[in-house]
Amino acid sequence: MAQEILDRYANHPQYKAKDKVLPILSNQKMNAYLKEIGDCCGITKRLTFHIARHTFATTITLSNGVPIETVSKMLGHRNLKTTQHYAKILDRKVSQDMQALKEKLLEKPIAR
């Protein structure tokens, strides 16, 4: 499947001249496509390329144990500190979730 996509654009003059393998869409065009996909799927939440990258970094990779160095490479970050921003968001979420759990446990009487 991936090779088929690469083959489709292999001799395309627009991408060959720019020394690119695949087309690079503008942010505006990418966001328009995401909106169209969201509409087709009945998603009412605003979808943007930025939100997609953020979700990929936090929900899909870091929260599933992918090392931050690997995520950094996948996102194209030159500096690991840029990627660490996503890890801080996860730390904050863990802290909030643990606080909510603590409150739930304090509400319930202990069964003996």
PDB file of N, CA and C in Angstrom:
ATOM      1  N   MET A   1       0.820  -1.199   0.000  1.00  0.00           N
ATOM      2  CA  MET A   1       0.000   0.000   0.000  1.00  0.00           C
ATOM      3  C   MET A   1       0.861   1.259   0.000  1.00  0.00           C
ATOM      4  N   ALA A   2       1.858   1.324   0.895  1.00  0.00           N
ATOM      5  CA  ALA A   2       2.719   2.507   0.948  1.00  0.00           C
ATOM      6  C   ALA A   2       3.490   2.655  -0.355  1.00  0.00           C
ATOM      7  N   GLN A   3       3.978   1.547  -0.906  1.00  0.00           N
ATOM      8  CA  GLN A   3       4.734   1.607  -2.156  1.00  0.00           C
ATOM      9  C   GLN A   3       3.864   2.110  -3.301  1.00  0.00           C
ATOM     10  N   GLU A   4       2.583   1.720  -3.288  1.00  0.00           N
ATOM     11  CA  GLU A   4       1.659   2.182  -4.330  1.00  0.00           C
ATOM     12  C   GLU A   4       1.518   3.703  -4.292  1.00  0.00           C
ATOM     13  N   ILE A   5       1.464   4.250  -3.100  1.00  0.00           N
ATOM     14  CA  ILE A   5       1.354   5.709  -2.956  1.00  0.00           C
ATOM     15  C   ILE A   5       2.630   6.379  -3.470  1.00  0.00           C
ATOM     16  N   LEU A   6       3.770   5.835  -3.094  1.00  0.00           N
ATOM     17  CA  LEU A   6       5.047   6.396  -3.566  1.00  0.00           C
ATOM     18  C   LEU A   6       5.149   6.297  -5.092  1.00  0.00           C
ATOM     19  N   ASP A   7       4.732   5.163  -5.641  1.00  0.00           N
ATOM     20  CA  ASP A   7       4.782   4.968  -7.093  1.00  0.00           C
ATOM     21  C   ASP A   7       3.882   5.963  -7.829  1.00  0.00           C
ATOM     22  N   ARG A   8       2.755   6.295  -7.225  1.00  0.00           N
ATOM     23  CA  ARG A   8       1.808   7.222  -7.860  1.00  0.00           C
ATOM     24  C   ARG A   8       2.448   8.586  -8.122  1.00  0.00           C
ATOM     25  N   TYR A   9       3.322   9.019  -7.216  1.00  0.00           N
ATOM     26  CA  TYR A   9       3.926  10.345  -7.337  1.00  0.00           C
ATOM     27  C   TYR A   9       5.375  10.312  -7.837  1.00  0.00           C
ATOM     28  N   ALA A  10       5.900   9.133  -8.133  1.00  0.00           N
ATOM     29  CA  ALA A  10       7.320   8.978  -8.469  1.00  0.00           C
ATOM     30  C   ALA A  10       7.769   9.857  -9.635  1.00  0.00           C
ATOM     31  N   ASN A  11       6.976   9.966 -10.668  1.00  0.00           N
ATOM     32  CA  ASN A  11       7.384  10.729 -11.856  1.00  0.00           C
ATOM     33  C   ASN A  11       6.600  12.023 -12.044  1.00  0.00           C
ATOM     34  N   HIS A  12       5.910  12.425 -11.024  1.00  0.00           N
ATOM     35  CA  HIS A  12       5.129  13.660 -11.123  1.00  0.00           C
ATOM     36  C   HIS A  12       6.099  14.846 -11.191  1.00  0.00           C
ATOM     37  N   PRO A  13       6.039  15.645 -12.261  1.00  0.00           N
ATOM     38  CA  PRO A  13       7.029  16.725 -12.440  1.00  0.00           C
ATOM     39  C   PRO A  13       7.022  17.772 -11.320  1.00  0.00           C
ATOM     40  N   GLN A  14       5.867  18.049 -10.743  1.00  0.00           N
ATOM     41  CA  GLN A  14       5.779  19.061  -9.688  1.00  0.00           C
ATOM     42  C   GLN A  14       6.598  18.660  -8.462  1.00  0.00           C
ATOM     43  N   TYR A  15       6.597  17.387  -8.108  1.00  0.00           N
ATOM     44  CA  TYR A  15       7.293  16.929  -6.915  1.00  0.00           C
ATOM     45  C   TYR A  15       8.740  16.568  -7.217  1.00  0.00           C
ATOM     46  N   LYS A  16       8.981  16.065  -8.432  1.00  0.00           N
ATOM     47  CA  LYS A  16      10.339  15.710  -8.840  1.00  0.00           C
ATOM     48  C   LYS A  16      11.220  16.965  -8.906  1.00  0.00           C
ATOM     49  N   ALA A  17      10.673  18.048  -9.430  1.00  0.00           N
ATOM     50  CA  ALA A  17      11.420  19.302  -9.563  1.00  0.00           C
ATOM     51  C   ALA A  17      11.787  19.886  -8.200  1.00  0.00           C
ATOM     52  N   LYS A  18      10.958  19.649  -7.211  1.00  0.00           N
ATOM     53  CA  LYS A  18      11.205  20.176  -5.859  1.00  0.00           C
ATOM     54  C   LYS A  18      11.958  19.177  -4.987  1.00  0.00           C
ATOM     55  N   ASP A  19      12.372  18.060  -5.582  1.00  0.00           N
ATOM     56  CA  ASP A  19      13.079  17.004  -4.860  1.00  0.00           C
ATOM     57  C   ASP A  19      12.247  16.486  -3.679  1.00  0.00           C
ATOM     58  N   LYS A  20      10.960  16.326  -3.899  1.00  0.00           N
ATOM     59  CA  LYS A  20      10.027  15.816  -2.890  1.00  0.00           C
ATOM     60  C   LYS A  20       9.473  14.471  -3.346  1.00  0.00           C
ATOM     61  N   VAL A  21       9.127  13.636  -2.388  1.00  0.00           N
ATOM     62  CA  VAL A  21       8.582  12.319  -2.698  1.00  0.00           C
ATOM     63  C   VAL A  21       7.063  12.369  -2.787  1.00  0.00           C
ATOM     64  N   LEU A  22       6.458  13.176  -1.933  1.00  0.00           N
ATOM     65  CA  LEU A  22       5.000  13.294  -1.865  1.00  0.00           C
ATOM     66  C   LEU A  22       4.596  14.761  -1.895  1.00  0.00           C
ATOM     67  N   PRO A  23       3.345  15.028  -2.275  1.00  0.00           N
ATOM     68  CA  PRO A  23       2.870  16.415  -2.229  1.00  0.00           C
ATOM     69  C   PRO A  23       2.837  16.938  -0.796  1.00  0.00           C
ATOM     70  N   ILE A  24       3.122  18.199  -0.653  1.00  0.00           N
ATOM     71  CA  ILE A  24       3.045  18.841   0.661  1.00  0.00           C
ATOM     72  C   ILE A  24       1.917  19.857   0.593  1.00  0.00           C
ATOM     73  N   LEU A  25       0.893  19.603   1.390  1.00  0.00           N
ATOM     74  CA  LEU A  25      -0.267  20.486   1.397  1.00  0.00           C
ATOM     75  C   LEU A  25      -0.043  21.652   2.347  1.00  0.00           C
ATOM     76  N   SER A  26      -0.669  22.760   2.032  1.00  0.00           N
ATOM     77  CA  SER A  26      -0.616  23.890   2.950  1.00  0.00           C
ATOM     78  C   SER A  26      -1.455  23.565   4.181  1.00  0.00           C
ATOM     79  N   ASN A  27      -1.207  24.271   5.265  1.00  0.00           N
ATOM     80  CA  ASN A  27      -2.007  24.094   6.482  1.00  0.00           C
ATOM     81  C   ASN A  27      -3.481  24.335   6.185  1.00  0.00           C
ATOM     82  N   GLN A  28      -3.754  25.377   5.411  1.00  0.00           N
ATOM     83  CA  GLN A  28      -5.133  25.734   5.089  1.00  0.00           C
ATOM     84  C   GLN A  28      -5.825  24.592   4.336  1.00  0.00           C
ATOM     85  N   LYS A  29      -5.135  24.013   3.353  1.00  0.00           N
ATOM     86  CA  LYS A  29      -5.722  22.923   2.580  1.00  0.00           C
ATOM     87  C   LYS A  29      -5.902  21.672   3.441  1.00  0.00           C
ATOM     88  N   MET A  30      -4.912  21.374   4.259  1.00  0.00           N
ATOM     89  CA  MET A  30      -4.987  20.212   5.152  1.00  0.00           C
ATOM     90  C   MET A  30      -6.171  20.357   6.114  1.00  0.00           C
ATOM     91  N   ASN A  31      -6.336  21.553   6.685  1.00  0.00           N
ATOM     92  CA  ASN A  31      -7.450  21.789   7.604  1.00  0.00           C
ATOM     93  C   ASN A  31      -8.795  21.660   6.897  1.00  0.00           C
ATOM     94  N   ALA A  32      -8.855  22.096   5.641  1.00  0.00           N
ATOM     95  CA  ALA A  32     -10.099  21.965   4.871  1.00  0.00           C
ATOM     96  C   ALA A  32     -10.431  20.486   4.657  1.00  0.00           C
ATOM     97  N   TYR A  33      -9.409  19.688   4.337  1.00  0.00           N
ATOM     98  CA  TYR A  33      -9.636  18.246   4.165  1.00  0.00           C
ATOM     99  C   TYR A  33     -10.072  17.598   5.474  1.00  0.00           C
ATOM    100  N   LEU A  34      -9.449  17.997   6.581  1.00  0.00           N
ATOM    101  CA  LEU A  34      -9.834  17.439   7.881  1.00  0.00           C
ATOM    102  C   LEU A  34     -11.279  17.791   8.226  1.00  0.00           C
ATOM    103  N   LYS A  35     -11.681  19.007   7.907  1.00  0.00           N
ATOM    104  CA  LYS A  35     -13.070  19.416   8.156  1.00  0.00           C
ATOM    105  C   LYS A  35     -14.027  18.565   7.323  1.00  0.00           C
ATOM    106  N   GLU A  36     -13.665  18.348   6.071  1.00  0.00           N
ATOM    107  CA  GLU A  36     -14.496  17.529   5.186  1.00  0.00           C
ATOM    108  C   GLU A  36     -14.606  16.092   5.706  1.00  0.00           C
ATOM    109  N   ILE A  37     -13.499  15.535   6.145  1.00  0.00           N
ATOM    110  CA  ILE A  37     -13.510  14.179   6.707  1.00  0.00           C
ATOM    111  C   ILE A  37     -14.367  14.146   7.970  1.00  0.00           C
ATOM    112  N   GLY A  38     -14.204  15.164   8.834  1.00  0.00           N
ATOM    113  CA  GLY A  38     -15.000  15.243  10.054  1.00  0.00           C
ATOM    114  C   GLY A  38     -16.488  15.318   9.752  1.00  0.00           C
ATOM    115  N   ASP A  39     -16.847  16.123   8.753  1.00  0.00           N
ATOM    116  CA  ASP A  39     -18.256  16.241   8.357  1.00  0.00           C
ATOM    117  C   ASP A  39     -18.805  14.897   7.888  1.00  0.00           C
ATOM    118  N   CYS A  40     -18.014  14.188   7.092  1.00  0.00           N
ATOM    119  CA  CYS A  40     -18.448  12.871   6.582  1.00  0.00           C
ATOM    120  C   CYS A  40     -18.638  11.870   7.718  1.00  0.00           C
ATOM    121  N   CYS A  41     -17.845  12.022   8.766  1.00  0.00           N
ATOM    122  CA  CYS A  41     -17.893  11.086   9.896  1.00  0.00           C
ATOM    123  C   CYS A  41     -18.835  11.557  11.007  1.00  0.00           C
ATOM    124  N   GLY A  42     -19.444  12.719  10.831  1.00  0.00           N
ATOM    125  CA  GLY A  42     -20.343  13.243  11.855  1.00  0.00           C
ATOM    126  C   GLY A  42     -19.615  13.812  13.068  1.00  0.00           C
ATOM    127  N   ILE A  43     -18.362  14.191  12.897  1.00  0.00           N
ATOM    128  CA  ILE A  43     -17.583  14.777  13.989  1.00  0.00           C
ATOM    129  C   ILE A  43     -17.829  16.280  13.998  1.00  0.00           C
ATOM    130  N   THR A  44     -18.325  16.778  15.116  1.00  0.00           N
ATOM    131  CA  THR A  44     -18.635  18.206  15.199  1.00  0.00           C
ATOM    132  C   THR A  44     -17.499  19.014  15.815  1.00  0.00           C
ATOM    133  N   LYS A  45     -16.573  18.328  16.470  1.00  0.00           N
ATOM    134  CA  LYS A  45     -15.429  19.013  17.070  1.00  0.00           C
ATOM    135  C   LYS A  45     -14.541  19.584  15.964  1.00  0.00           C
ATOM    136  N   ARG A  46     -13.958  20.744  16.213  1.00  0.00           N
ATOM    137  CA  ARG A  46     -13.061  21.376  15.242  1.00  0.00           C
ATOM    138  C   ARG A  46     -11.807  20.518  15.058  1.00  0.00           C
ATOM    139  N   LEU A  47     -11.497  20.166  13.818  1.00  0.00           N
ATOM    140  CA  LEU A  47     -10.314  19.372  13.513  1.00  0.00           C
ATOM    141  C   LEU A  47      -9.315  20.227  12.750  1.00  0.00           C
ATOM    142  N   THR A  48      -8.076  20.232  13.211  1.00  0.00           N
ATOM    143  CA  THR A  48      -7.015  20.942  12.511  1.00  0.00           C
ATOM    144  C   THR A  48      -5.771  20.061  12.503  1.00  0.00           C
ATOM    145  N   PHE A  49      -4.834  20.407  11.642  1.00  0.00           N
ATOM    146  CA  PHE A  49      -3.584  19.667  11.571  1.00  0.00           C
ATOM    147  C   PHE A  49      -2.845  19.750  12.907  1.00  0.00           C
ATOM    148  N   HIS A  50      -2.882  20.920  13.531  1.00  0.00           N
ATOM    149  CA  HIS A  50      -2.224  21.097  14.828  1.00  0.00           C
ATOM    150  C   HIS A  50      -2.831  20.163  15.883  1.00  0.00           C
ATOM    151  N   ILE A  51      -4.149  20.106  15.929  1.00  0.00           N
ATOM    152  CA  ILE A  51      -4.832  19.228  16.885  1.00  0.00           C
ATOM    153  C   ILE A  51      -4.502  17.761  16.576  1.00  0.00           C
ATOM    154  N   ALA A  52      -4.427  17.418  15.300  1.00  0.00           N
ATOM    155  CA  ALA A  52      -4.104  16.041  14.916  1.00  0.00           C
ATOM    156  C   ALA A  52      -2.693  15.667  15.380  1.00  0.00           C
ATOM    157  N   ARG A  53      -1.726  16.555  15.198  1.00  0.00           N
ATOM    158  CA  ARG A  53      -0.353  16.294  15.650  1.00  0.00           C
ATOM    159  C   ARG A  53      -0.309  16.161  17.167  1.00  0.00           C
ATOM    160  N   HIS A  54      -1.048  17.032  17.845  1.00  0.00           N
ATOM    161  CA  HIS A  54      -1.082  17.015  19.305  1.00  0.00           C
ATOM    162  C   HIS A  54      -1.676  15.698  19.810  1.00  0.00           C
ATOM    163  N   THR A  55      -2.789  15.280  19.213  1.00  0.00           N
ATOM    164  CA  THR A  55      -3.436  14.028  19.595  1.00  0.00           C
ATOM    165  C   THR A  55      -2.522  12.848  19.326  1.00  0.00           C
ATOM    166  N   PHE A  56      -1.859  12.866  18.163  1.00  0.00           N
ATOM    167  CA  PHE A  56      -0.922  11.798  17.834  1.00  0.00           C
ATOM    168  C   PHE A  56       0.174  11.711  18.892  1.00  0.00           C
ATOM    169  N   ALA A  57       0.739  12.862  19.267  1.00  0.00           N
ATOM    170  CA  ALA A  57       1.856  12.881  20.215  1.00  0.00           C
ATOM    171  C   ALA A  57       1.437  12.425  21.604  1.00  0.00           C
ATOM    172  N   THR A  58       0.276  12.862  22.066  1.00  0.00           N
ATOM    173  CA  THR A  58      -0.117  12.561  23.447  1.00  0.00           C
ATOM    174  C   THR A  58      -0.918  11.272  23.551  1.00  0.00           C
ATOM    175  N   THR A  59      -2.058  11.222  22.916  1.00  0.00           N
ATOM    176  CA  THR A  59      -2.998  10.116  23.074  1.00  0.00           C
ATOM    177  C   THR A  59      -2.513   8.829  22.412  1.00  0.00           C
ATOM    178  N   ILE A  60      -1.941   8.950  21.232  1.00  0.00           N
ATOM    179  CA  ILE A  60      -1.587   7.749  20.485  1.00  0.00           C
ATOM    180  C   ILE A  60      -0.206   7.222  20.858  1.00  0.00           C
ATOM    181  N   THR A  61       0.773   8.087  20.959  1.00  0.00           N
ATOM    182  CA  THR A  61       2.134   7.584  21.171  1.00  0.00           C
ATOM    183  C   THR A  61       2.568   7.608  22.636  1.00  0.00           C
ATOM    184  N   LEU A  62       2.709   8.787  23.211  1.00  0.00           N
ATOM    185  CA  LEU A  62       3.266   8.876  24.566  1.00  0.00           C
ATOM    186  C   LEU A  62       2.438   8.113  25.593  1.00  0.00           C
ATOM    187  N   SER A  63       1.126   8.221  25.520  1.00  0.00           N
ATOM    188  CA  SER A  63       0.298   7.538  26.519  1.00  0.00           C
ATOM    189  C   SER A  63       0.277   6.025  26.315  1.00  0.00           C
ATOM    190  N   ASN A  64       0.808   5.561  25.189  1.00  0.00           N
ATOM    191  CA  ASN A  64       0.906   4.124  24.933  1.00  0.00           C
ATOM    192  C   ASN A  64       2.340   3.616  25.041  1.00  0.00           C
ATOM    193  N   GLY A  65       3.181   4.413  25.696  1.00  0.00           N
ATOM    194  CA  GLY A  65       4.518   3.953  26.032  1.00  0.00           C
ATOM    195  C   GLY A  65       5.593   4.129  24.972  1.00  0.00           C
ATOM    196  N   VAL A  66       5.298   4.847  23.889  1.00  0.00           N
ATOM    197  CA  VAL A  66       6.340   5.095  22.885  1.00  0.00           C
ATOM    198  C   VAL A  66       7.342   6.072  23.490  1.00  0.00           C
ATOM    199  N   PRO A  67       8.629   5.766  23.435  1.00  0.00           N
ATOM    200  CA  PRO A  67       9.633   6.651  24.033  1.00  0.00           C
ATOM    201  C   PRO A  67       9.576   8.062  23.440  1.00  0.00           C
ATOM    202  N   ILE A  68       9.798   9.042  24.281  1.00  0.00           N
ATOM    203  CA  ILE A  68       9.694  10.433  23.850  1.00  0.00           C
ATOM    204  C   ILE A  68      10.691  10.752  22.735  1.00  0.00           C
ATOM    205  N   GLU A  69      11.841  10.088  22.735  1.00  0.00           N
ATOM    206  CA  GLU A  69      12.829  10.318  21.671  1.00  0.00           C
ATOM    207  C   GLU A  69      12.276   9.870  20.316  1.00  0.00           C
ATOM    208  N   THR A  70      11.544   8.766  20.315  1.00  0.00           N
ATOM    209  CA  THR A  70      10.937   8.266  19.082  1.00  0.00           C
ATOM    210  C   THR A  70       9.846   9.210  18.606  1.00  0.00           C
ATOM    211  N   VAL A  71       9.010   9.666  19.537  1.00  0.00           N
ATOM    212  CA  VAL A  71       7.942  10.607  19.194  1.00  0.00           C
ATOM    213  C   VAL A  71       8.549  11.887  18.624  1.00  0.00           C
ATOM    214  N   SER A  72       9.616  12.349  19.224  1.00  0.00           N
ATOM    215  CA  SER A  72      10.294  13.562  18.764  1.00  0.00           C
ATOM    216  C   SER A  72      10.726  13.416  17.307  1.00  0.00           C
ATOM    217  N   LYS A  73      11.312  12.269  16.979  1.00  0.00           N
ATOM    218  CA  LYS A  73      11.740  12.017  15.597  1.00  0.00           C
ATOM    219  C   LYS A  73      10.537  11.977  14.658  1.00  0.00           C
ATOM    220  N   MET A  74       9.457  11.286  15.081  1.00  0.00           N
ATOM    221  CA  MET A  74       8.274  11.173  14.228  1.00  0.00           C
ATOM    222  C   MET A  74       7.655  12.534  13.943  1.00  0.00           C
ATOM    223  N   LEU A  75       7.708  13.429  14.919  1.00  0.00           N
ATOM    224  CA  LEU A  75       7.133  14.760  14.743  1.00  0.00           C
ATOM    225  C   LEU A  75       8.076  15.708  14.014  1.00  0.00           C
ATOM    226  N   GLY A  76       9.314  15.280  13.816  1.00  0.00           N
ATOM    227  CA  GLY A  76      10.265  16.120  13.106  1.00  0.00           C
ATOM    228  C   GLY A  76      10.868  17.217  13.961  1.00  0.00           C
ATOM    229  N   HIS A  77      10.829  17.043  15.280  1.00  0.00           N
ATOM    230  CA  HIS A  77      11.411  18.038  16.175  1.00  0.00           C
ATOM    231  C   HIS A  77      12.928  17.891  16.175  1.00  0.00           C
ATOM    232  N   ARG A  78      13.628  19.000  16.096  1.00  0.00           N
ATOM    233  CA  ARG A  78      15.089  18.966  16.154  1.00  0.00           C
ATOM    234  C   ARG A  78      15.576  18.912  17.592  1.00  0.00           C
ATOM    235  N   ASN A  79      14.752  19.428  18.492  1.00  0.00           N
ATOM    236  CA  ASN A  79      15.138  19.532  19.890  1.00  0.00           C
ATOM    237  C   ASN A  79      14.139  18.744  20.738  1.00  0.00           C
ATOM    238  N   LEU A  80      14.642  17.880  21.611  1.00  0.00           N
ATOM    239  CA  LEU A  80      13.776  17.056  22.461  1.00  0.00           C
ATOM    240  C   LEU A  80      12.906  17.911  23.375  1.00  0.00           C
ATOM    241  N   LYS A  81      13.377  19.095  23.749  1.00  0.00           N
ATOM    242  CA  LYS A  81      12.593  19.985  24.624  1.00  0.00           C
ATOM    243  C   LYS A  81      11.254  20.358  23.993  1.00  0.00           C
ATOM    244  N   THR A  82      11.223  20.451  22.684  1.00  0.00           N
ATOM    245  CA  THR A  82       9.967  20.752  21.992  1.00  0.00           C
ATOM    246  C   THR A  82       8.957  19.643  22.249  1.00  0.00           C
ATOM    247  N   THR A  83       9.399  18.408  22.206  1.00  0.00           N
ATOM    248  CA  THR A  83       8.515  17.260  22.414  1.00  0.00           C
ATOM    249  C   THR A  83       8.144  17.111  23.886  1.00  0.00           C
ATOM    250  N   GLN A  84       9.023  17.523  24.777  1.00  0.00           N
ATOM    251  CA  GLN A  84       8.754  17.401  26.213  1.00  0.00           C
ATOM    252  C   GLN A  84       7.519  18.203  26.626  1.00  0.00           C
ATOM    253  N   HIS A  85       7.138  19.182  25.828  1.00  0.00           N
ATOM    254  CA  HIS A  85       5.905  19.941  26.085  1.00  0.00           C
ATOM    255  C   HIS A  85       4.712  18.983  26.150  1.00  0.00           C
ATOM    256  N   TYR A  86       4.687  18.000  25.246  1.00  0.00           N
ATOM    257  CA  TYR A  86       3.592  17.025  25.232  1.00  0.00           C
ATOM    258  C   TYR A  86       3.623  16.139  26.469  1.00  0.00           C
ATOM    259  N   ALA A  87       4.803  15.778  26.913  1.00  0.00           N
ATOM    260  CA  ALA A  87       4.928  14.931  28.100  1.00  0.00           C
ATOM    261  C   ALA A  87       4.422  15.667  29.331  1.00  0.00           C
ATOM    262  N   LYS A  88       4.656  16.980  29.419  1.00  0.00           N
ATOM    263  CA  LYS A  88       4.164  17.762  30.564  1.00  0.00           C
ATOM    264  C   LYS A  88       2.651  17.751  30.595  1.00  0.00           C
ATOM    265  N   ILE A  89       2.031  17.811  29.431  1.00  0.00           N
ATOM    266  CA  ILE A  89       0.568  17.760  29.367  1.00  0.00           C
ATOM    267  C   ILE A  89       0.087  16.421  29.910  1.00  0.00           C
ATOM    268  N   LEU A  90       0.789  15.339  29.565  1.00  0.00           N
ATOM    269  CA  LEU A  90       0.420  14.020  30.089  1.00  0.00           C
ATOM    270  C   LEU A  90       0.583  13.965  31.598  1.00  0.00           C
ATOM    271  N   ASP A  91       1.678  14.541  32.119  1.00  0.00           N
ATOM    272  CA  ASP A  91       1.897  14.569  33.568  1.00  0.00           C
ATOM    273  C   ASP A  91       0.749  15.294  34.268  1.00  0.00           C
ATOM    274  N   ARG A  92       0.312  16.401  33.691  1.00  0.00           N
ATOM    275  CA  ARG A  92      -0.790  17.169  34.271  1.00  0.00           C
ATOM    276  C   ARG A  92      -2.068  16.338  34.257  1.00  0.00           C
ATOM    277  N   LYS A  93      -2.313  15.623  33.167  1.00  0.00           N
ATOM    278  CA  LYS A  93      -3.506  14.782  33.045  1.00  0.00           C
ATOM    279  C   LYS A  93      -3.465  13.650  34.075  1.00  0.00           C
ATOM    280  N   VAL A  94      -2.315  13.023  34.247  1.00  0.00           N
ATOM    281  CA  VAL A  94      -2.175  11.960  35.244  1.00  0.00           C
ATOM    282  C   VAL A  94      -2.473  12.515  36.630  1.00  0.00           C
ATOM    283  N   SER A  95      -1.946  13.681  36.922  1.00  0.00           N
ATOM    284  CA  SER A  95      -2.179  14.306  38.229  1.00  0.00           C
ATOM    285  C   SER A  95      -3.669  14.588  38.448  1.00  0.00           C
ATOM    286  N   GLN A  96      -4.333  15.110  37.424  1.00  0.00           N
ATOM    287  CA  GLN A  96      -5.775  15.385  37.530  1.00  0.00           C
ATOM    288  C   GLN A  96      -6.567  14.087  37.719  1.00  0.00           C
ATOM    289  N   ASP A  97      -6.197  13.063  36.968  1.00  0.00           N
ATOM    290  CA  ASP A  97      -6.905  11.780  37.080  1.00  0.00           C
ATOM    291  C   ASP A  97      -6.708  11.159  38.463  1.00  0.00           C
ATOM    292  N   MET A  98      -5.510  11.267  38.995  1.00  0.00           N
ATOM    293  CA  MET A  98      -5.245  10.717  40.335  1.00  0.00           C
ATOM    294  C   MET A  98      -6.014  11.506  41.403  1.00  0.00           C
ATOM    295  N   GLN A  99      -6.124  12.804  41.226  1.00  0.00           N
ATOM    296  CA  GLN A  99      -6.901  13.617  42.166  1.00  0.00           C
ATOM    297  C   GLN A  99      -8.372  13.214  42.125  1.00  0.00           C
ATOM    298  N   ALA A 100      -8.906  13.001  40.930  1.00  0.00           N
ATOM    299  CA  ALA A 100     -10.298  12.568  40.794  1.00  0.00           C
ATOM    300  C   ALA A 100     -10.505  11.201  41.440  1.00  0.00           C
ATOM    301  N   LEU A 101      -9.555  10.289  41.268  1.00  0.00           N
ATOM    302  CA  LEU A 101      -9.637   8.974  41.896  1.00  0.00           C
ATOM    303  C   LEU A 101      -9.617   9.104  43.415  1.00  0.00           C
ATOM    304  N   LYS A 102      -8.744   9.938  43.928  1.00  0.00           N
ATOM    305  CA  LYS A 102      -8.653  10.156  45.376  1.00  0.00           C
ATOM    306  C   LYS A 102      -9.990  10.640  45.928  1.00  0.00           C
ATOM    307  N   GLU A 103     -10.601  11.597  45.224  1.00  0.00           N
ATOM    308  CA  GLU A 103     -11.891  12.130  45.670  1.00  0.00           C
ATOM    309  C   GLU A 103     -12.971  11.050  45.649  1.00  0.00           C
ATOM    310  N   LYS A 104     -12.972  10.214  44.628  1.00  0.00           N
ATOM    311  CA  LYS A 104     -13.952   9.128  44.556  1.00  0.00           C
ATOM    312  C   LYS A 104     -13.757   8.144  45.708  1.00  0.00           C
ATOM    313  N   LEU A 105     -12.515   7.806  45.974  1.00  0.00           N
ATOM    314  CA  LEU A 105     -12.227   6.846  47.047  1.00  0.00           C
ATOM    315  C   LEU A 105     -12.588   7.404  48.404  1.00  0.00           C
ATOM    316  N   LEU A 106     -12.428   8.702  48.614  1.00  0.00           N
ATOM    317  CA  LEU A 106     -12.784   9.307  49.897  1.00  0.00           C
ATOM    318  C   LEU A 106     -14.287   9.371  50.104  1.00  0.00           C
ATOM    319  N   GLU A 107     -15.034   9.393  48.996  1.00  0.00           N
ATOM    320  CA  GLU A 107     -16.506   9.444  49.074  1.00  0.00           C
ATOM    321  C   GLU A 107     -17.097   8.106  49.489  1.00  0.00           C
ATOM    322  N   LYS A 108     -16.479   7.006  49.081  1.00  0.00           N
ATOM    323  CA  LYS A 108     -17.020   5.674  49.316  1.00  0.00           C
ATOM    324  C   LYS A 108     -16.563   5.131  50.662  1.00  0.00           C
ATOM    325  N   PRO A 109     -17.505   4.521  51.416  1.00  0.00           N
ATOM    326  CA  PRO A 109     -17.077   3.872  52.662  1.00  0.00           C
ATOM    327  C   PRO A 109     -16.280   2.612  52.331  1.00  0.00           C
ATOM    328  N   ILE A 110     -15.331   2.332  53.158  1.00  0.00           N
ATOM    329  CA  ILE A 110     -14.472   1.169  52.958  1.00  0.00           C
ATOM    330  C   ILE A 110     -15.248  -0.093  53.335  1.00  0.00           C
ATOM    331  N   ALA A 111     -15.316  -1.063  52.438  1.00  0.00           N
ATOM    332  CA  ALA A 111     -16.020  -2.329  52.705  1.00  0.00           C
ATOM    333  C   ALA A 111     -15.115  -3.233  53.520  1.00  0.00           C
ATOM    334  N   ARG A 112     -15.685  -3.847  54.575  1.00  0.00           N
ATOM    335  CA  ARG A 112     -14.893  -4.760  55.429  1.00  0.00           C
ATOM    336  C   ARG A 112     -15.515  -6.097  55.442  1.00  0.00           C
TER     337      ARG A 112
END
